[in-house]
Amino acid sequence: MTRVWVVPVHDSTRVRDARVATEEAGARARLDTHRTAVAALVATELATNLLKHAGGGSLVIDLVDRPGTGVRGPAVQLVALDHGPGIRDVTAAMRDGHTTSEASLGAGLGTCLRISSAFDLYSTHRGTVAVARVDQGAGPEETWSASPAGGINVPLAQAEYSGDAWSCVRSGSRVTLMLADGLGHGDKAAQASSAAVDELHRVAHLPSAEILRHLNLALRPTRGAAVAVAQLDSGSGELVFTGVGNVGARLRTTGSWEHLVSHPGIVGAQFPATVPVRRLRWEPGSLLVLHSDGLPSRWVPPHDADVLAHNPAVVAATILRDASSAASPVRDDTCVAVLASDRPAGRP
């Protein structure tokens, strides 16, 4: 099931909480002592930056597969989100050892970049989003450069498990991105979405409509889920989209956004007799966003070309951060996954 640690960082005690949560995540990812310590150092530095430079924020920690590589061994993903003033000089901040805070370890974002398996950062006057991944490798790995997708998953009310899940699998020239939203939230919903992820890795070589039919059988012992499946064929430049249930999807092509509509139903419970399939042209610079209904339906897509050029996980985290509002509290788990086959895997 999708275990997520959400650490609000608004005072110095939460920096320790971020480190402890990351150490637990490292143990679950079966990282060795050294790589777990690396992940904890990155978490400590990110949390310290949130506190000292942004006036607070959140650190979201979870386990992710190497997206699109077919390798199931998880990495620890750390996402720092804030609405602070932003980083005035990103180039200086990315220098190894750079720090402007007495409370910092002095590692700096440059060291986070160097010791992480993947790292990317986006900062404006509206705040900063930083994403780091740490796996068992000793440093940045070439496998991450093949990563066409990224995402963020936040459970309702800082629960241990999210009922949402996403996964991306590469099979030949075909990349398949899936987002599953288990009915409700909590453990039972997480069981449904996790079953969808497991089945996807067994049937990702099939066409999208066939994948959904296999998922329907796999999810019958669970309470069911809303599921969207998108397949990109890099050879033909075609995107195929299929969805059942309340999963949102938007495609950006040539500067404009288009809604992709899923068919009513529940995968594993109320599956439609016919699954509509949409075929769309995928062009250089195209970007697909899948999201669960935890994201407000009227969220505004980012128009900043700079963020759209970043790693898909950074794009996903920025969408989630900017769609949230204290006036409109989240009432469900929230997951956002982005497919962008020509984006960097993890570098500023």
Protein backbone atom coordinates (compact mmCIF):
# COMPACT_ATOMS: atom_id res chain seq x y z
CA MET A 1 0.00 0.00 0.00
CA THR A 2 1.04 3.60 -0.57
CA ARG A 3 2.73 4.73 2.65
CA VAL A 4 3.22 8.49 2.82
CA TRP A 5 4.76 10.69 5.50
CA VAL A 6 3.58 14.32 5.51
CA VAL A 7 5.56 16.57 7.84
CA PRO A 8 4.36 20.16 8.30
CA VAL A 9 7.48 22.20 9.05
CA HIS A 10 6.58 25.26 11.10
CA ASP A 11 9.01 25.02 14.02
CA SER A 12 12.43 23.52 14.72
CA THR A 13 11.04 20.32 16.26
CA ARG A 14 9.60 19.30 12.91
CA VAL A 15 13.07 19.18 11.34
CA ARG A 16 13.81 16.19 13.54
CA ASP A 17 10.41 14.70 12.60
CA ALA A 18 11.36 14.99 8.92
CA ARG A 19 14.64 13.18 9.53
CA VAL A 20 12.99 10.39 11.54
CA ALA A 21 10.27 9.91 8.91
CA THR A 22 12.89 9.70 6.18
CA GLU A 23 14.86 7.11 8.13
CA GLU A 24 11.70 5.01 8.40
CA ALA A 25 11.10 5.42 4.67
CA GLY A 26 14.68 4.36 3.97
CA ALA A 27 14.19 1.22 6.03
CA ARG A 28 11.01 0.38 4.12
CA ALA A 29 12.86 0.94 0.83
CA ARG A 30 15.60 -1.40 2.11
CA LEU A 31 18.30 1.20 1.67
CA ASP A 32 21.54 0.40 3.47
CA THR A 33 22.71 2.46 6.44
CA HIS A 34 24.73 4.87 4.32
CA ARG A 35 22.03 5.62 1.75
CA THR A 36 19.44 6.00 4.52
CA ALA A 37 21.74 8.54 6.16
CA VAL A 38 22.05 10.33 2.81
CA ALA A 39 18.27 10.54 2.51
CA ALA A 40 18.02 11.80 6.11
CA LEU A 41 20.62 14.50 5.39
CA VAL A 42 18.69 15.68 2.34
CA ALA A 43 15.44 15.73 4.35
CA THR A 44 17.07 17.69 7.17
CA GLU A 45 18.45 20.29 4.79
CA LEU A 46 15.15 20.67 2.92
CA ALA A 47 13.19 20.99 6.17
CA THR A 48 15.68 23.53 7.53
CA ASN A 49 15.36 25.58 4.36
CA LEU A 50 11.56 25.53 4.68
CA LEU A 51 11.76 26.83 8.21
CA LYS A 52 14.51 29.43 7.84
CA HIS A 53 13.93 30.77 4.34
CA ALA A 54 10.24 30.21 3.54
CA GLY A 55 8.61 30.72 6.92
CA GLY A 56 7.49 27.09 6.91
CA GLY A 57 6.04 24.58 4.49
CA SER A 58 5.57 20.86 4.09
CA LEU A 59 7.80 17.89 3.38
CA VAL A 60 6.09 14.94 1.68
CA ILE A 61 8.00 11.65 1.85
CA ASP A 62 7.01 8.46 0.08
CA LEU A 63 8.39 5.50 -1.84
CA VAL A 64 8.37 5.51 -5.64
CA ASP A 65 9.50 3.09 -8.31
CA ARG A 66 11.99 4.28 -10.87
CA PRO A 67 9.31 5.70 -13.19
CA GLY A 68 9.32 4.20 -16.65
CA THR A 69 12.39 2.04 -16.13
CA GLY A 70 10.62 -1.20 -15.28
CA VAL A 71 12.64 -1.50 -12.07
CA ARG A 72 10.41 -2.11 -9.05
CA GLY A 73 13.03 -1.38 -6.41
CA PRO A 74 11.72 1.71 -4.60
CA ALA A 75 13.46 4.98 -3.96
CA VAL A 76 12.70 7.47 -1.23
CA GLN A 77 11.13 10.60 -2.74
CA LEU A 78 11.19 13.86 -0.77
CA VAL A 79 9.10 16.82 -1.91
CA ALA A 80 9.48 20.20 -0.19
CA LEU A 81 6.60 22.64 -0.77
CA ASP A 82 6.32 26.23 0.37
CA HIS A 83 4.65 29.56 -0.39
CA GLY A 84 7.66 31.59 0.65
CA PRO A 85 9.44 34.43 -1.17
CA GLY A 86 11.41 32.05 -3.37
CA ILE A 87 15.15 31.73 -3.91
CA ARG A 88 16.62 34.98 -5.19
CA ASP A 89 19.78 33.44 -6.68
CA VAL A 90 19.15 29.81 -7.60
CA THR A 91 22.59 29.45 -9.17
CA ALA A 92 24.31 30.45 -5.93
CA ALA A 93 21.97 28.28 -3.86
CA MET A 94 22.91 25.24 -5.94
CA ARG A 95 26.63 25.61 -5.22
CA ASP A 96 27.95 22.80 -3.04
CA GLY A 97 28.17 23.94 0.58
CA HIS A 98 26.27 27.21 0.08
CA THR A 99 24.11 28.22 3.04
CA THR A 100 22.78 31.47 4.50
CA SER A 101 21.33 29.93 7.67
CA GLU A 102 23.20 29.39 10.93
CA ALA A 103 20.83 26.51 11.70
CA SER A 104 21.66 24.71 8.46
CA LEU A 105 24.04 21.77 8.37
CA GLY A 106 25.92 23.62 5.67
CA ALA A 107 25.20 20.88 3.17
CA GLY A 108 23.22 23.23 0.97
CA LEU A 109 21.07 22.43 -2.02
CA GLY A 110 24.20 21.78 -4.09
CA THR A 111 25.10 18.88 -1.85
CA CYS A 112 21.50 17.63 -2.00
CA LEU A 113 21.85 17.63 -5.78
CA ARG A 114 25.17 15.79 -5.66
CA ILE A 115 24.25 13.04 -3.22
CA SER A 116 20.67 12.40 -4.38
CA SER A 117 19.88 9.91 -7.12
CA ALA A 118 17.77 12.66 -8.69
CA PHE A 119 17.11 16.27 -7.73
CA ASP A 120 15.20 19.16 -9.27
CA LEU A 121 14.04 22.54 -8.01
CA TYR A 122 11.66 25.25 -9.21
CA SER A 123 11.46 28.61 -7.46
CA THR A 124 9.61 31.88 -8.07
CA HIS A 125 8.24 34.71 -5.94
CA ARG A 126 5.25 32.41 -5.24
CA GLY A 127 7.41 29.85 -3.48
CA THR A 128 9.68 26.89 -4.07
CA VAL A 129 9.20 23.23 -4.96
CA ALA A 130 12.15 20.86 -4.53
CA VAL A 131 12.08 17.14 -5.34
CA ALA A 132 14.81 14.69 -4.35
CA ARG A 133 14.98 10.92 -4.78
CA VAL A 134 17.43 8.65 -3.02
CA ASP A 135 17.80 4.98 -3.91
CA GLN A 136 20.46 2.34 -3.28
CA GLY A 137 22.80 3.75 -5.95
CA ALA A 138 25.85 5.73 -4.91
CA GLY A 139 24.85 8.81 -6.91
CA PRO A 140 22.88 10.04 -9.93
CA GLU A 141 21.92 7.08 -12.10
CA GLU A 142 21.42 6.89 -15.84
CA THR A 143 18.17 4.99 -15.30
CA TRP A 144 16.54 8.17 -14.02
CA SER A 145 17.28 9.86 -17.35
CA ALA A 146 14.76 7.47 -18.94
CA SER A 147 12.06 8.62 -16.52
CA PRO A 148 9.14 10.13 -18.49
CA ALA A 149 6.79 10.57 -15.53
CA GLY A 150 6.60 11.79 -11.98
CA GLY A 151 4.01 12.37 -9.30
CA ILE A 152 3.05 13.32 -5.78
CA ASN A 153 0.60 11.61 -3.43
CA VAL A 154 -0.80 13.22 -0.26
CA PRO A 155 -3.19 11.33 2.05
CA LEU A 156 -6.15 13.01 3.70
CA ALA A 157 -5.43 14.49 7.13
CA GLN A 158 -1.82 13.23 7.17
CA ALA A 159 -2.98 9.60 7.36
CA GLU A 160 -0.34 6.88 7.05
CA TYR A 161 -1.73 5.44 3.82
CA SER A 162 -3.15 7.10 0.74
CA GLY A 163 -6.04 5.54 -1.14
CA ASP A 164 -4.56 6.94 -4.35
CA ALA A 165 -1.64 5.51 -6.30
CA TRP A 166 0.17 6.10 -9.58
CA SER A 167 2.70 4.13 -11.56
CA CYS A 168 4.52 4.31 -14.88
CA VAL A 169 5.84 1.32 -16.84
CA ARG A 170 7.87 1.20 -20.05
CA SER A 171 7.39 -1.72 -22.46
CA GLY A 172 9.36 -1.35 -25.68
CA SER A 173 8.45 1.97 -27.33
CA ARG A 174 5.30 2.21 -25.22
CA VAL A 175 5.09 4.08 -21.91
CA THR A 176 2.02 3.50 -19.75
CA LEU A 177 0.99 5.91 -16.99
CA MET A 178 -1.78 4.90 -14.60
CA LEU A 179 -3.51 6.68 -11.72
CA ALA A 180 -5.89 4.79 -9.43
CA ASP A 181 -8.18 6.35 -6.81
CA GLY A 182 -9.51 3.70 -4.42
CA LEU A 183 -13.07 4.38 -3.31
CA GLY A 184 -13.09 6.40 -0.11
CA HIS A 185 -9.80 6.74 1.73
CA GLY A 186 -7.68 4.88 4.27
CA ASP A 187 -6.46 1.27 4.29
CA LYS A 188 -9.30 -0.24 2.23
CA ALA A 189 -8.92 2.35 -0.51
CA ALA A 190 -5.15 1.86 -0.44
CA GLN A 191 -5.57 -1.88 -0.94
CA ALA A 192 -7.57 -1.25 -4.11
CA SER A 193 -5.13 1.26 -5.63
CA SER A 194 -2.13 -0.90 -4.71
CA ALA A 195 -3.74 -3.92 -6.39
CA ALA A 196 -4.10 -1.77 -9.52
CA VAL A 197 -0.38 -0.89 -9.46
CA ASP A 198 0.64 -4.54 -9.03
CA GLU A 199 -1.57 -5.65 -11.91
CA LEU A 200 -0.33 -2.86 -14.17
CA HIS A 201 3.22 -4.16 -13.92
CA ARG A 202 1.99 -7.54 -15.14
CA VAL A 203 -0.08 -6.31 -18.10
CA ALA A 204 1.54 -3.04 -19.23
CA HIS A 205 2.43 -4.62 -22.58
CA LEU A 206 -1.29 -4.75 -23.48
CA PRO A 207 -3.39 -1.94 -25.04
CA SER A 208 -4.96 0.47 -22.55
CA ALA A 209 -8.52 -0.87 -22.81
CA GLU A 210 -7.25 -4.42 -22.19
CA ILE A 211 -5.28 -3.18 -19.20
CA LEU A 212 -8.46 -1.77 -17.67
CA ARG A 213 -10.27 -5.09 -18.20
CA HIS A 214 -7.47 -6.94 -16.40
CA LEU A 215 -7.55 -4.34 -13.62
CA ASN A 216 -11.29 -4.87 -13.28
CA LEU A 217 -10.72 -8.56 -12.55
CA ALA A 218 -7.81 -7.88 -10.19
CA LEU A 219 -9.79 -5.31 -8.17
CA ARG A 220 -12.93 -7.42 -7.66
CA PRO A 221 -11.81 -8.59 -4.17
CA THR A 222 -11.35 -4.92 -3.20
CA ARG A 223 -13.82 -2.03 -2.89
CA GLY A 224 -12.81 -0.88 -6.40
CA ALA A 225 -11.27 2.26 -7.80
CA ALA A 226 -11.49 4.97 -10.40
CA VAL A 227 -8.65 4.38 -12.85
CA ALA A 228 -7.19 6.24 -15.81
CA VAL A 229 -4.62 4.72 -18.15
CA ALA A 230 -2.59 6.69 -20.70
CA GLN A 231 -0.21 5.05 -23.17
CA LEU A 232 2.35 6.94 -25.20
CA ASP A 233 3.95 5.29 -28.21
CA SER A 234 7.17 7.16 -28.91
CA GLY A 235 7.44 5.48 -32.31
CA SER A 236 4.11 6.67 -33.69
CA GLY A 237 3.80 9.82 -31.56
CA GLU A 238 0.32 8.77 -30.45
CA LEU A 239 -1.22 9.07 -26.97
CA VAL A 240 -4.06 6.69 -26.12
CA PHE A 241 -6.26 7.59 -23.13
CA THR A 242 -8.80 5.38 -21.38
CA GLY A 243 -10.50 6.05 -18.05
CA VAL A 244 -13.26 4.68 -15.87
CA GLY A 245 -14.47 6.67 -12.90
CA ASN A 246 -13.73 10.09 -11.49
CA VAL A 247 -10.08 10.60 -12.45
CA GLY A 248 -9.25 13.95 -14.01
CA ALA A 249 -7.01 14.32 -17.05
CA ARG A 250 -5.72 17.30 -19.00
CA LEU A 251 -3.45 17.30 -22.03
CA ARG A 252 -1.31 20.27 -23.00
CA THR A 253 -0.38 20.49 -26.69
CA THR A 254 0.91 23.52 -28.59
CA GLY A 255 0.26 25.82 -25.65
CA SER A 256 -3.39 24.93 -24.96
CA TRP A 257 -5.02 22.54 -22.47
CA GLU A 258 -7.71 19.98 -23.26
CA HIS A 259 -9.88 17.99 -20.85
CA LEU A 260 -9.89 14.21 -21.35
CA VAL A 261 -13.11 12.67 -20.00
CA SER A 262 -13.31 9.26 -18.33
CA HIS A 263 -16.32 6.92 -18.62
CA PRO A 264 -18.62 6.59 -15.57
CA GLY A 265 -18.12 3.44 -13.53
CA ILE A 266 -15.95 1.68 -10.95
CA VAL A 267 -13.08 -0.62 -11.87
CA GLY A 268 -13.64 -3.81 -9.91
CA ALA A 269 -17.34 -3.18 -9.22
CA GLN A 270 -19.33 -1.37 -11.93
CA PHE A 271 -17.30 -1.80 -15.09
CA PRO A 272 -18.80 -0.55 -18.37
CA ALA A 273 -19.51 -2.99 -21.20
CA THR A 274 -17.57 -0.77 -23.60
CA VAL A 275 -14.54 1.29 -22.66
CA PRO A 276 -14.18 4.43 -24.82
CA VAL A 277 -10.66 5.02 -26.11
CA ARG A 278 -9.31 8.39 -27.22
CA ARG A 279 -6.36 8.66 -29.58
CA LEU A 280 -4.47 11.95 -29.64
CA ARG A 281 -1.37 13.32 -31.29
CA TRP A 282 1.63 13.68 -28.97
CA GLU A 283 3.94 16.47 -30.05
CA PRO A 284 7.30 17.71 -28.73
CA GLY A 285 6.56 19.62 -25.55
CA SER A 286 3.24 17.86 -24.89
CA LEU A 287 2.36 17.17 -21.26
CA LEU A 288 -0.35 15.04 -19.65
CA VAL A 289 -1.70 15.52 -16.12
CA LEU A 290 -3.72 12.82 -14.34
CA HIS A 291 -5.21 13.57 -10.93
CA SER A 292 -7.60 12.16 -8.36
CA ASP A 293 -10.67 14.07 -7.19
CA GLY A 294 -8.77 15.37 -4.19
CA LEU A 295 -7.58 18.12 -6.52
CA PRO A 296 -10.21 20.84 -7.03
CA SER A 297 -12.01 20.30 -10.34
CA ARG A 298 -11.40 23.91 -11.38
CA TRP A 299 -7.64 23.91 -10.79
CA VAL A 300 -5.76 26.29 -13.05
CA PRO A 301 -2.98 24.73 -15.16
CA PRO A 302 0.45 26.35 -14.85
CA HIS A 303 1.26 28.77 -17.64
CA ASP A 304 4.88 29.39 -16.70
CA ALA A 305 7.03 27.79 -19.40
CA ASP A 306 9.85 27.42 -16.87
CA VAL A 307 7.98 24.99 -14.59
CA LEU A 308 6.65 23.01 -17.55
CA ALA A 309 10.24 22.39 -18.62
CA HIS A 310 11.13 20.81 -15.26
CA ASN A 311 11.04 17.21 -14.12
CA PRO A 312 7.47 15.79 -14.18
CA ALA A 313 7.51 15.30 -10.40
CA VAL A 314 8.21 19.01 -9.92
CA VAL A 315 5.36 19.89 -12.29
CA ALA A 316 3.01 17.57 -10.39
CA ALA A 317 4.02 19.00 -7.00
CA THR A 318 3.62 22.58 -8.24
CA ILE A 319 0.12 21.84 -9.54
CA LEU A 320 -0.87 20.32 -6.19
CA ARG A 321 0.63 23.19 -4.18
CA ASP A 322 -0.95 25.96 -6.27
CA ALA A 323 -4.38 24.29 -6.32
CA SER A 324 -4.59 24.11 -2.53
CA SER A 325 -6.30 26.80 -0.52
CA ALA A 326 -7.11 27.34 3.15
CA ALA A 327 -10.57 28.50 2.04
CA SER A 328 -11.19 25.19 0.27
CA PRO A 329 -9.85 22.36 2.48
CA VAL A 330 -9.01 19.02 0.91
CA ARG A 331 -11.64 16.35 1.61
CA ASP A 332 -9.91 13.32 0.12
CA ASP A 333 -6.54 11.83 -0.71
CA THR A 334 -4.85 13.75 -3.51
CA CYS A 335 -2.58 12.35 -6.20
CA VAL A 336 -1.17 14.10 -9.26
CA ALA A 337 0.89 12.32 -11.93
CA VAL A 338 2.50 13.92 -14.96
CA LEU A 339 3.69 12.37 -18.21
CA ALA A 340 6.25 14.44 -20.11
CA SER A 341 8.57 12.27 -22.16
CA ASP A 342 11.04 15.01 -23.11
CA ARG A 343 11.70 16.54 -19.68
CA PRO A 344 14.87 16.23 -17.58
CA ALA A 345 14.91 13.34 -15.12
CA GLY A 346 16.30 15.25 -12.18
CA ARG A 347 18.56 18.27 -12.38
CA PRO A 348 17.97 21.99 -11.79
